[in-house]
N, C-alpha and C. Protein backbone atom coordinates (compact mmCIF):
# COMPACT_ATOMS: atom_id res chain seq x y z
N MET A 1 83.33 76.11 92.06
CA MET A 1 82.73 74.89 93.40
C MET A 1 83.02 75.77 94.72
N HIS A 2 81.58 75.74 95.19
CA HIS A 2 81.41 75.61 96.29
C HIS A 2 81.99 75.24 97.65
N GLY A 3 82.08 75.74 98.40
CA GLY A 3 82.47 74.59 99.47
C GLY A 3 82.73 75.75 100.87
N PHE A 4 83.60 74.60 101.83
CA PHE A 4 83.54 75.64 103.04
C PHE A 4 85.36 75.96 103.16
N CYS A 5 85.61 77.57 103.41
CA CYS A 5 87.14 77.35 103.46
C CYS A 5 87.21 77.90 104.53
N ASP A 6 87.93 76.97 105.25
CA ASP A 6 88.40 76.89 106.66
C ASP A 6 89.46 77.98 107.25
N PRO A 7 89.54 79.04 107.84
CA PRO A 7 90.61 80.02 107.62
C PRO A 7 91.56 79.36 108.65
N ASP A 8 91.39 77.80 109.25
CA ASP A 8 92.54 77.40 110.19
C ASP A 8 93.21 76.62 109.35
N ALA A 9 92.99 76.32 108.20
CA ALA A 9 93.52 75.40 107.13
C ALA A 9 94.54 76.20 106.51
N ALA A 10 95.27 75.13 105.27
CA ALA A 10 96.77 75.66 104.62
C ALA A 10 95.85 76.23 103.65
N GLY A 11 96.50 77.38 103.25
CA GLY A 11 95.96 77.72 101.76
C GLY A 11 95.30 79.06 102.40
N PRO A 12 94.54 79.97 101.01
CA PRO A 12 94.19 81.32 101.42
C PRO A 12 92.60 81.16 101.46
N CYS A 13 91.99 82.27 102.00
CA CYS A 13 90.55 82.38 102.27
C CYS A 13 90.55 83.30 102.21
N ARG A 14 89.38 83.59 101.25
CA ARG A 14 88.80 85.05 101.27
C ARG A 14 87.61 85.48 101.54
N THR A 15 87.29 85.96 102.42
CA THR A 15 85.63 86.37 102.42
C THR A 15 85.02 87.71 101.42
N LYS A 16 83.97 88.60 101.51
CA LYS A 16 83.17 88.95 100.39
C LYS A 16 83.34 90.71 101.70
N GLY A 17 82.89 90.24 102.78
CA GLY A 17 82.64 91.13 103.81
C GLY A 17 83.07 90.85 105.17
N PRO A 18 83.19 91.97 105.37
CA PRO A 18 83.32 91.64 107.45
C PRO A 18 81.57 91.34 108.08
N ALA A 19 81.77 90.93 109.49
CA ALA A 19 80.42 90.97 109.86
C ALA A 19 80.28 92.33 110.50
N ARG A 20 78.37 92.73 110.91
CA ARG A 20 78.63 93.60 111.78
C ARG A 20 78.74 93.25 113.28
N ALA A 21 78.87 94.04 113.77
CA ALA A 21 79.13 94.51 114.94
C ALA A 21 77.37 93.63 115.90
N GLY A 22 77.17 93.03 116.44
CA GLY A 22 76.21 93.03 117.33
C GLY A 22 75.86 92.91 118.38
N PRO A 23 74.48 92.84 119.25
CA PRO A 23 74.31 92.58 120.74
C PRO A 23 74.34 91.29 120.95
N TYR A 24 74.44 89.93 120.46
CA TYR A 24 74.15 88.62 120.65
C TYR A 24 75.79 88.83 120.97
N PRO A 25 75.69 87.88 122.52
CA PRO A 25 76.63 87.36 122.55
C PRO A 25 77.43 86.59 122.11
N LEU A 26 78.86 86.52 122.27
CA LEU A 26 79.98 85.49 121.76
C LEU A 26 79.69 84.19 122.17
N ARG A 27 79.44 82.83 121.32
CA ARG A 27 79.54 81.37 121.94
C ARG A 27 80.50 81.51 121.29
N SER A 28 81.52 80.33 121.79
CA SER A 28 82.78 80.14 121.34
C SER A 28 83.18 78.90 121.76
N THR A 29 82.20 77.93 122.47
CA THR A 29 82.21 76.48 122.82
C THR A 29 82.30 75.63 122.08
N VAL A 30 83.00 74.65 121.44
CA VAL A 30 82.96 73.46 120.86
C VAL A 30 81.39 73.06 120.93
N ALA A 31 80.56 72.64 121.24
CA ALA A 31 78.98 72.51 121.20
C ALA A 31 78.79 73.50 120.14
N GLU A 32 78.65 74.63 120.65
CA GLU A 32 78.17 75.72 119.66
C GLU A 32 78.56 75.63 118.50
N THR A 33 79.83 75.45 118.04
CA THR A 33 80.27 75.97 116.95
C THR A 33 80.44 74.39 116.17
N ILE A 34 80.67 73.45 116.53
CA ILE A 34 80.37 72.38 115.73
C ILE A 34 78.86 71.48 115.89
N PRO A 35 77.98 71.79 115.31
CA PRO A 35 77.12 71.68 115.05
C PRO A 35 76.51 70.42 115.11
N GLU A 36 75.90 69.70 115.67
CA GLU A 36 75.03 68.32 115.91
C GLU A 36 74.57 67.96 114.36
N VAL A 37 74.25 66.31 114.66
CA VAL A 37 73.93 65.94 113.38
C VAL A 37 72.13 65.69 114.25
N VAL A 38 71.17 66.30 113.30
CA VAL A 38 69.62 66.53 113.87
C VAL A 38 68.59 65.84 113.23
N GLU A 39 67.11 65.86 113.81
CA GLU A 39 66.31 65.12 113.65
C GLU A 39 65.60 65.53 112.84
N PRO A 40 65.32 66.35 111.45
CA PRO A 40 64.52 67.33 111.71
C PRO A 40 62.90 66.57 111.47
N ALA A 41 62.49 67.73 111.89
CA ALA A 41 60.43 67.61 112.30
C ALA A 41 59.64 68.12 111.20
N SER A 42 60.81 69.47 110.12
CA SER A 42 60.03 69.97 109.65
C SER A 42 60.87 70.73 108.72
N LEU A 43 60.01 71.55 107.69
CA LEU A 43 61.30 71.93 106.70
C LEU A 43 62.07 72.98 106.92
N ALA A 44 61.47 74.23 107.83
CA ALA A 44 62.53 74.43 109.20
C ALA A 44 63.19 74.51 109.34
N ASP A 45 63.57 73.05 109.99
CA ASP A 45 64.76 72.77 110.53
C ASP A 45 65.55 72.00 109.54
N TYR A 46 65.47 71.70 108.52
CA TYR A 46 66.09 71.41 107.14
C TYR A 46 66.50 72.55 106.51
N PHE A 47 65.96 74.16 106.18
CA PHE A 47 65.88 75.13 105.69
C PHE A 47 67.22 75.52 106.62
N GLU A 48 67.01 75.44 108.13
CA GLU A 48 67.72 76.09 109.22
C GLU A 48 69.69 75.59 108.48
N VAL A 49 69.48 74.49 108.20
CA VAL A 49 70.58 73.44 108.47
C VAL A 49 71.38 74.42 107.00
N ILE A 50 70.67 74.16 105.62
CA ILE A 50 70.87 74.95 104.46
C ILE A 50 71.08 76.14 104.73
N THR A 51 70.56 76.97 105.86
CA THR A 51 71.34 78.37 105.79
C THR A 51 72.40 78.23 106.58
N ARG A 52 72.47 77.73 107.18
CA ARG A 52 74.15 77.64 108.10
C ARG A 52 75.41 77.05 107.18
N ALA A 53 74.97 76.45 106.12
CA ALA A 53 75.91 75.67 105.15
C ALA A 53 76.14 77.06 104.43
N VAL A 54 75.26 77.73 104.17
CA VAL A 54 75.63 78.82 102.82
C VAL A 54 76.78 79.87 103.45
N PHE A 55 76.19 80.28 104.91
CA PHE A 55 76.64 81.57 105.55
C PHE A 55 77.89 80.83 106.16
N GLN A 56 78.08 79.52 106.38
CA GLN A 56 79.54 79.15 107.12
C GLN A 56 80.69 78.96 105.82
N ALA A 57 80.34 79.26 104.48
CA ALA A 57 80.91 79.06 103.85
C ALA A 57 82.07 80.25 103.36
N GLY A 58 83.44 80.20 103.60
CA GLY A 58 84.32 80.88 102.98
C GLY A 58 84.42 81.76 104.39
N VAL A 59 83.95 80.92 105.88
CA VAL A 59 84.41 82.11 106.69
C VAL A 59 84.87 81.45 108.34
N ARG A 60 84.93 81.24 109.48
CA ARG A 60 85.38 80.74 110.68
C ARG A 60 83.60 80.47 111.08
N TRP A 61 83.71 78.92 110.82
CA TRP A 61 82.37 78.49 111.93
C TRP A 61 82.05 79.11 112.75
N SER A 62 83.15 79.57 113.68
CA SER A 62 82.81 80.14 115.22
C SER A 62 81.99 81.36 115.24
N GLN A 63 82.65 82.26 113.86
CA GLN A 63 82.06 83.65 114.00
C GLN A 63 80.42 83.60 112.91
N ILE A 64 79.96 82.47 112.48
CA ILE A 64 78.91 82.11 112.08
C ILE A 64 77.93 82.00 113.48
N ALA A 65 78.16 80.98 114.52
CA ALA A 65 77.70 80.48 115.38
C ALA A 65 77.05 81.40 116.80
N ALA A 66 78.08 82.52 116.81
CA ALA A 66 78.28 83.47 117.84
C ALA A 66 77.06 84.37 117.42
N ASN A 67 77.00 84.27 116.09
CA ASN A 67 75.72 85.04 115.80
C ASN A 67 74.23 84.68 115.06
N TRP A 68 74.33 83.30 115.56
CA TRP A 68 73.12 82.84 115.03
C TRP A 68 72.03 83.09 115.44
N ASP A 69 71.26 83.50 116.34
CA ASP A 69 70.69 84.08 116.78
C ASP A 69 70.32 85.18 115.96
N ALA A 70 71.03 85.69 115.23
CA ALA A 70 70.74 87.29 114.38
C ALA A 70 70.36 86.26 113.49
N TYR A 71 70.75 85.08 112.86
CA TYR A 71 69.89 84.75 111.59
C TYR A 71 68.81 83.99 111.64
N ARG A 72 68.24 83.67 113.15
CA ARG A 72 67.34 83.26 113.05
C ARG A 72 66.16 84.30 113.32
N ALA A 73 66.84 85.42 113.81
CA ALA A 73 65.29 86.38 113.68
C ALA A 73 65.20 87.09 112.32
N ALA A 74 66.60 87.10 111.54
CA ALA A 74 66.48 87.62 110.47
C ALA A 74 66.26 86.62 108.73
N PHE A 75 65.82 85.33 109.35
CA PHE A 75 65.13 84.42 108.41
C PHE A 75 64.16 83.97 109.49
N ALA A 76 62.96 84.73 109.78
CA ALA A 76 62.16 84.16 110.42
C ALA A 76 62.22 83.24 110.86
N ASP A 77 62.96 82.56 112.28
CA ASP A 77 62.98 81.18 112.47
C ASP A 77 62.82 80.05 111.47
N PHE A 78 63.61 80.37 110.56
CA PHE A 78 63.91 79.42 109.13
C PHE A 78 62.90 79.06 108.46
N ASP A 79 61.71 79.85 108.57
CA ASP A 79 60.59 79.41 108.13
C ASP A 79 60.65 79.62 106.78
N PRO A 80 60.61 78.37 105.62
CA PRO A 80 60.87 78.26 104.38
C PRO A 80 59.49 79.30 103.58
N VAL A 81 58.80 79.18 104.08
CA VAL A 81 57.23 80.42 103.53
C VAL A 81 58.01 81.27 103.41
N ARG A 82 57.90 81.76 104.42
CA ARG A 82 57.83 83.48 104.87
C ARG A 82 58.96 83.93 104.25
N VAL A 83 60.06 83.01 104.04
CA VAL A 83 61.59 83.50 103.79
C VAL A 83 61.45 83.81 102.32
N ALA A 84 60.83 82.67 101.77
CA ALA A 84 60.87 82.88 100.25
C ALA A 84 59.48 83.84 99.54
N ALA A 85 58.98 84.31 100.56
CA ALA A 85 58.56 85.69 99.99
C ALA A 85 59.24 86.70 100.03
N TYR A 86 60.20 86.69 100.49
CA TYR A 86 60.94 88.40 100.95
C TYR A 86 61.18 88.82 99.86
N ASP A 87 61.50 89.93 99.76
CA ASP A 87 61.54 90.59 98.56
C ASP A 87 63.09 91.52 98.37
N GLY A 88 63.28 92.67 97.81
CA GLY A 88 64.61 93.33 97.80
C GLY A 88 64.06 95.02 99.15
N ALA A 89 63.49 94.69 99.60
CA ALA A 89 63.38 95.68 100.95
C ALA A 89 63.99 94.14 102.24
N ASP A 90 63.23 93.22 102.18
CA ASP A 90 63.67 92.78 102.87
C ASP A 90 65.35 92.18 102.84
N VAL A 91 66.06 92.02 102.05
CA VAL A 91 67.27 91.84 101.49
C VAL A 91 68.05 92.68 102.35
N GLU A 92 67.86 94.09 101.94
CA GLU A 92 67.95 94.77 102.72
C GLU A 92 68.29 95.26 104.08
N ARG A 93 67.32 94.43 104.75
CA ARG A 93 66.44 94.36 105.91
C ARG A 93 67.63 93.71 106.63
N VAL A 94 67.56 92.42 105.96
CA VAL A 94 68.38 91.09 106.73
C VAL A 94 70.04 91.40 106.57
N LEU A 95 70.56 93.27 105.55
CA LEU A 95 71.68 93.11 105.68
C LEU A 95 72.15 94.09 106.71
N ALA A 96 71.08 94.65 106.96
CA ALA A 96 71.29 95.83 108.28
C ALA A 96 71.22 95.17 109.29
N THR A 97 70.66 93.86 110.10
CA THR A 97 70.81 93.02 110.67
C THR A 97 72.22 93.14 111.51
N PRO A 98 72.59 93.41 112.84
CA PRO A 98 73.39 93.35 113.47
C PRO A 98 73.98 92.01 113.36
N GLY A 99 75.06 91.60 113.41
CA GLY A 99 75.19 90.08 113.60
C GLY A 99 75.46 89.29 112.20
N ILE A 100 74.71 89.93 111.17
CA ILE A 100 74.72 88.82 109.84
C ILE A 100 75.78 89.58 108.95
N LEU A 101 76.59 88.54 108.24
CA LEU A 101 77.87 88.71 107.49
C LEU A 101 77.05 89.80 106.42
N ARG A 102 77.77 90.58 105.92
CA ARG A 102 76.94 91.77 104.80
C ARG A 102 77.29 90.99 103.92
N MET A 103 76.83 90.02 103.01
CA MET A 103 77.13 89.44 101.33
C MET A 103 75.72 89.34 100.98
N PRO A 104 75.34 90.14 99.93
CA PRO A 104 74.00 90.30 99.32
C PRO A 104 74.43 88.82 98.73
N ARG A 105 74.97 88.47 98.07
CA ARG A 105 74.89 87.22 97.63
C ARG A 105 74.26 85.58 98.07
N LYS A 106 75.12 85.89 99.45
CA LYS A 106 74.65 84.83 100.33
C LYS A 106 72.84 84.81 101.09
N VAL A 107 72.31 86.14 101.25
CA VAL A 107 71.22 86.64 101.33
C VAL A 107 69.99 85.94 100.17
N ARG A 108 70.68 86.15 99.27
CA ARG A 108 69.68 86.23 98.33
C ARG A 108 69.54 84.43 97.49
N ALA A 109 70.78 83.78 97.79
CA ALA A 109 70.67 82.17 98.03
C ALA A 109 69.96 81.98 99.11
N THR A 110 70.14 82.29 100.19
CA THR A 110 68.89 81.61 101.02
C THR A 110 67.25 82.19 100.60
N ILE A 111 67.35 82.63 100.06
CA ILE A 111 65.53 83.21 99.92
C ILE A 111 65.62 82.10 98.94
N ALA A 112 66.57 82.16 97.85
CA ALA A 112 66.23 81.36 96.79
C ALA A 112 66.04 79.99 97.05
N ASP A 113 67.17 79.76 97.97
CA ASP A 113 66.82 78.50 98.49
C ASP A 113 65.72 77.95 99.37
N ALA A 114 65.21 78.69 100.17
CA ALA A 114 63.79 78.42 100.65
C ALA A 114 62.59 78.64 99.57
N ARG A 115 62.55 78.90 98.38
CA ARG A 115 61.70 78.99 97.08
C ARG A 115 62.05 76.99 96.80
N ALA A 116 63.36 76.86 96.56
CA ALA A 116 63.50 75.69 96.13
C ALA A 116 63.35 74.52 97.20
N LEU A 117 63.51 74.64 98.33
CA LEU A 117 63.16 74.02 99.02
C LEU A 117 60.92 73.77 99.23
N LEU A 118 60.36 74.44 98.99
CA LEU A 118 59.24 74.14 98.93
C LEU A 118 58.84 73.10 97.93
N GLU A 119 59.71 74.03 97.13
CA GLU A 119 58.71 73.44 95.47
C GLU A 119 59.66 72.07 95.60
N ALA A 120 61.07 71.81 95.93
CA ALA A 120 61.20 70.21 96.10
C ALA A 120 59.88 69.10 96.66
N ASP A 121 59.70 69.83 97.79
CA ASP A 121 58.80 69.75 99.13
C ASP A 121 57.44 68.72 98.25
N ARG A 122 56.56 70.10 97.41
CA ARG A 122 55.70 69.76 96.69
C ARG A 122 55.76 69.00 95.96
N ALA A 123 56.74 69.05 94.79
CA ALA A 123 56.66 67.97 93.95
C ALA A 123 57.13 66.49 94.08
N HIS A 124 57.37 66.18 95.27
CA HIS A 124 57.72 65.00 95.51
C HIS A 124 56.76 64.26 96.62
N GLY A 125 55.73 65.34 97.45
CA GLY A 125 54.86 65.02 98.45
C GLY A 125 55.24 65.48 99.27
N ASN A 126 56.83 65.16 99.95
CA ASN A 126 57.62 65.74 100.95
C ASN A 126 58.77 65.76 100.79
N PHE A 127 59.65 66.64 101.70
CA PHE A 127 60.95 66.36 100.94
C PHE A 127 61.45 65.28 101.25
N VAL A 128 61.24 64.41 102.49
CA VAL A 128 62.36 63.60 102.67
C VAL A 128 61.85 62.74 101.49
N ASN A 129 60.84 62.74 100.84
CA ASN A 129 60.31 62.05 99.79
C ASN A 129 61.58 61.94 99.12
N TYR A 130 61.42 63.93 98.18
CA TYR A 130 62.82 63.83 97.72
C TYR A 130 63.84 63.35 97.52
N LEU A 131 64.60 63.82 99.49
CA LEU A 131 65.99 62.80 99.39
C LEU A 131 66.31 61.62 99.56
N ARG A 132 65.28 60.84 99.04
CA ARG A 132 65.55 59.63 99.00
C ARG A 132 64.74 58.78 97.87
N SER A 133 64.79 60.09 96.46
CA SER A 133 64.12 59.63 95.65
C SER A 133 65.00 58.84 94.84
N PHE A 134 66.69 59.10 94.71
CA PHE A 134 68.04 58.68 93.95
C PHE A 134 68.48 57.54 94.53
N ALA A 135 69.01 57.16 93.83
CA ALA A 135 69.49 55.75 93.91
C ALA A 135 71.18 55.61 94.44
N SER A 136 71.65 56.92 94.02
CA SER A 136 72.73 56.61 95.04
C SER A 136 72.99 58.33 95.59
N TYR A 137 74.04 58.04 95.96
CA TYR A 137 74.66 59.54 96.94
C TYR A 137 75.31 60.73 95.80
N ASP A 138 75.57 60.08 94.96
CA ASP A 138 76.26 60.60 93.64
C ASP A 138 74.68 61.86 93.13
N GLU A 139 73.98 60.82 92.22
CA GLU A 139 72.90 61.69 91.86
C GLU A 139 72.07 62.50 92.50
N LEU A 140 71.92 62.43 94.20
CA LEU A 140 71.37 63.41 94.86
C LEU A 140 72.41 64.57 94.59
N ALA A 141 73.51 64.42 95.54
CA ALA A 141 74.58 65.30 95.32
C ALA A 141 74.28 66.34 94.34
N LYS A 142 74.51 65.84 92.64
CA LYS A 142 74.21 66.38 91.09
C LYS A 142 73.03 67.27 91.65
N ASP A 143 71.85 66.25 91.45
CA ASP A 143 70.25 67.20 91.56
C ASP A 143 70.51 68.58 92.30
N PHE A 144 71.06 67.94 94.12
CA PHE A 144 70.61 68.70 94.95
C PHE A 144 71.77 70.34 94.60
N LYS A 145 72.58 70.16 94.27
CA LYS A 145 73.89 71.32 93.63
C LYS A 145 73.12 72.02 92.83
N ARG A 146 72.68 71.15 91.63
CA ARG A 146 71.65 72.17 90.78
C ARG A 146 70.52 72.49 91.31
N ARG A 147 69.93 72.23 92.01
CA ARG A 147 68.24 72.94 92.25
C ARG A 147 68.82 73.91 93.25
N PHE A 148 70.07 73.60 94.71
CA PHE A 148 69.70 75.24 95.86
C PHE A 148 71.31 75.77 95.24
N ALA A 149 70.75 77.01 95.77
CA ALA A 149 72.17 77.85 95.54
C ALA A 149 73.25 77.98 96.57
N LEU A 150 74.16 77.98 95.96
CA LEU A 150 75.35 78.40 96.85
C LEU A 150 75.74 76.62 97.57
N MET A 151 75.56 75.38 97.31
CA MET A 151 74.93 74.45 97.48
C MET A 151 76.51 73.64 96.83
N GLY A 152 77.62 73.31 97.30
CA GLY A 152 78.34 72.73 96.51
C GLY A 152 78.75 71.65 96.66
N GLU A 153 79.73 71.30 96.31
CA GLU A 153 80.04 69.69 96.99
C GLU A 153 80.41 69.42 98.66
N MET A 154 81.07 70.59 99.38
CA MET A 154 81.44 70.09 100.35
C MET A 154 79.91 70.64 101.26
N ASN A 155 78.95 71.39 100.59
CA ASN A 155 77.78 71.98 101.07
C ASN A 155 77.19 70.77 101.61
N VAL A 156 76.65 70.11 100.43
CA VAL A 156 76.18 69.35 100.15
C VAL A 156 76.28 67.89 100.95
N TRP A 157 77.45 67.49 101.53
CA TRP A 157 77.92 66.59 101.94
C TRP A 157 77.75 66.64 103.08
N TYR A 158 77.79 68.26 103.78
CA TYR A 158 77.49 68.33 104.67
C TYR A 158 76.28 68.69 105.48
N PHE A 159 75.37 69.15 104.51
CA PHE A 159 73.73 69.51 104.91
C PHE A 159 73.39 67.47 104.90
N LEU A 160 73.45 66.60 104.01
CA LEU A 160 72.79 65.73 104.48
C LEU A 160 73.19 64.55 105.95
N PHE A 161 74.76 64.90 106.15
CA PHE A 161 75.79 64.34 107.29
C PHE A 161 74.77 64.77 108.16
N ARG A 162 74.07 66.49 108.39
CA ARG A 162 74.06 66.79 109.30
C ARG A 162 72.33 66.23 109.36
N THR A 163 71.49 66.28 108.52
CA THR A 163 70.23 66.42 108.68
C THR A 163 70.09 64.52 108.86
N GLY A 164 70.98 63.54 108.83
CA GLY A 164 70.74 62.18 108.76
C GLY A 164 70.57 61.20 107.90
N GLU A 165 71.17 61.81 106.87
CA GLU A 165 70.52 61.26 105.24
C GLU A 165 72.25 60.32 104.89
N PRO A 166 72.43 59.36 104.27
CA PRO A 166 72.93 58.26 103.88
C PRO A 166 74.25 59.10 103.39
N VAL A 167 75.38 59.10 103.78
CA VAL A 167 76.58 60.27 102.91
C VAL A 167 77.66 59.06 102.75
N PRO A 168 78.82 59.38 101.81
CA PRO A 168 80.04 58.21 102.14
C PRO A 168 80.78 58.87 103.29
N ARG A 169 81.47 57.74 103.27
CA ARG A 169 82.30 57.84 104.88
C ARG A 169 84.08 58.80 104.24
N PHE A 170 83.77 59.77 105.56
CA PHE A 170 84.01 61.07 105.68
C PHE A 170 85.52 60.99 104.74
N GLU A 171 86.42 60.04 105.32
CA GLU A 171 88.14 59.66 105.15
C GLU A 171 88.01 59.61 103.06
N SER A 172 87.10 58.81 103.23
CA SER A 172 87.25 58.81 101.44
C SER A 172 86.72 59.68 100.77
N TRP A 173 85.59 60.22 100.78
CA TRP A 173 84.86 61.12 100.40
C TRP A 173 85.49 62.74 100.19
N VAL A 174 86.38 63.44 101.48
CA VAL A 174 86.91 64.31 101.54
C VAL A 174 88.65 64.23 100.84
N THR A 175 88.87 63.33 100.23
CA THR A 175 90.11 63.11 99.38
C THR A 175 89.29 64.08 97.81
N THR A 176 88.38 63.93 97.45
CA THR A 176 87.54 64.82 96.25
C THR A 176 87.38 66.03 96.20
N ILE A 177 87.79 66.35 97.69
CA ILE A 177 87.73 68.02 98.09
C ILE A 177 88.73 68.99 98.25
N ARG A 178 89.63 69.89 97.40
CA ARG A 178 90.16 70.54 98.02
C ARG A 178 90.79 71.11 99.28
N GLY A 179 92.14 71.06 99.77
CA GLY A 179 92.28 71.80 101.37
C GLY A 179 92.41 70.63 102.22
N GLU A 180 92.41 71.05 103.27
CA GLU A 180 92.13 70.79 105.22
C GLU A 180 90.75 71.18 105.32
N HIS A 181 90.22 70.12 106.30
CA HIS A 181 89.41 70.83 106.55
C HIS A 181 88.68 70.70 107.95
N PRO A 182 89.42 70.95 108.77
CA PRO A 182 89.47 70.24 110.34
C PRO A 182 88.11 69.87 110.76
N ARG A 183 87.07 71.18 110.49
CA ARG A 183 85.95 71.35 111.54
C ARG A 183 84.98 70.34 111.11
N MET A 184 85.21 70.16 109.67
CA MET A 184 84.71 68.79 108.90
C MET A 184 84.74 67.59 109.69
N ARG A 185 86.05 67.85 110.04
CA ARG A 185 86.37 66.52 110.60
C ARG A 185 86.29 66.31 112.07
N GLU A 186 86.31 67.42 112.81
CA GLU A 186 85.94 67.43 114.13
C GLU A 186 84.27 67.08 114.61
N MET A 187 83.40 67.93 113.26
CA MET A 187 82.04 67.46 113.34
C MET A 187 81.64 65.91 112.97
N VAL A 188 82.34 65.61 112.19
CA VAL A 188 82.14 63.92 111.93
C VAL A 188 82.59 63.34 113.20
N GLU A 189 83.88 63.58 114.24
CA GLU A 189 84.43 62.66 115.08
C GLU A 189 83.33 62.52 116.02
N ARG A 190 82.90 63.76 116.07
CA ARG A 190 82.11 64.33 117.56
C ARG A 190 80.94 63.28 116.98
N ALA A 191 79.71 63.16 116.38
CA ALA A 191 79.01 62.04 115.32
C ALA A 191 79.18 60.91 115.62
N ARG A 192 80.22 60.57 115.07
CA ARG A 192 80.72 58.99 115.35
C ARG A 192 80.87 58.77 117.06
N ALA A 193 81.56 59.84 117.79
CA ALA A 193 81.44 59.39 119.34
C ALA A 193 80.26 59.26 119.79
N ALA A 194 78.81 60.29 119.41
CA ALA A 194 77.90 60.28 119.95
C ALA A 194 76.79 58.86 119.06
N GLY A 195 77.82 58.08 118.17
CA GLY A 195 76.89 57.14 117.34
C GLY A 195 75.72 57.89 116.55
N ARG A 196 76.38 58.62 115.98
CA ARG A 196 74.91 59.32 115.36
C ARG A 196 75.43 59.78 113.99
N SER A 197 76.63 59.57 113.62
CA SER A 197 76.80 59.00 112.21
C SER A 197 76.66 58.40 110.67
N PRO A 198 75.78 59.50 109.80
CA PRO A 198 75.26 58.62 108.87
C PRO A 198 75.98 57.85 107.66
N GLU A 199 77.07 58.11 108.31
CA GLU A 199 78.17 57.48 106.83
C GLU A 199 78.04 55.73 106.60
N ARG A 200 77.76 55.79 105.40
CA ARG A 200 77.81 54.48 104.71
C ARG A 200 78.86 53.99 103.92
């Protein structure tokens, strides 16, 4: 099962490689480390949230937030059409970008997810239609995990929550996920305080 491993939580947390040092400034404020619920206006907005879910898994959220400008540059401002066309040379270029985690599997998954996003968008007329074509959260989550790479239970809930799609209440849903997840809880609490939580 793919998901977030919070190094601040109880239990082991392993990653597959260190991040490269880069010129991007360290940004460690709560607002930047804990992302907000967004109102997607384009496929790029959805793709950015998917990409963040993939790269946050197994590392500190602050580590990804501190270098998010590097990810934006490496993945063409999260344009899924451009990223879907990436080849092996592009994978190597992304991995060589300062600030990007040196994890080929995550880079390849991101490219695959750009293609899956475009496919779902075409098949359903638009991506929102795809997200709302299921009778329940569980049905959508099952299909999402099948369709998208490195999107397990935790990542799917995170993605839907952040894009404002209906999700189960955090306190009941999180009991189905192993471990403690303080950053997820903090994200939920901030969204609730702002009146932007899509929990049902």
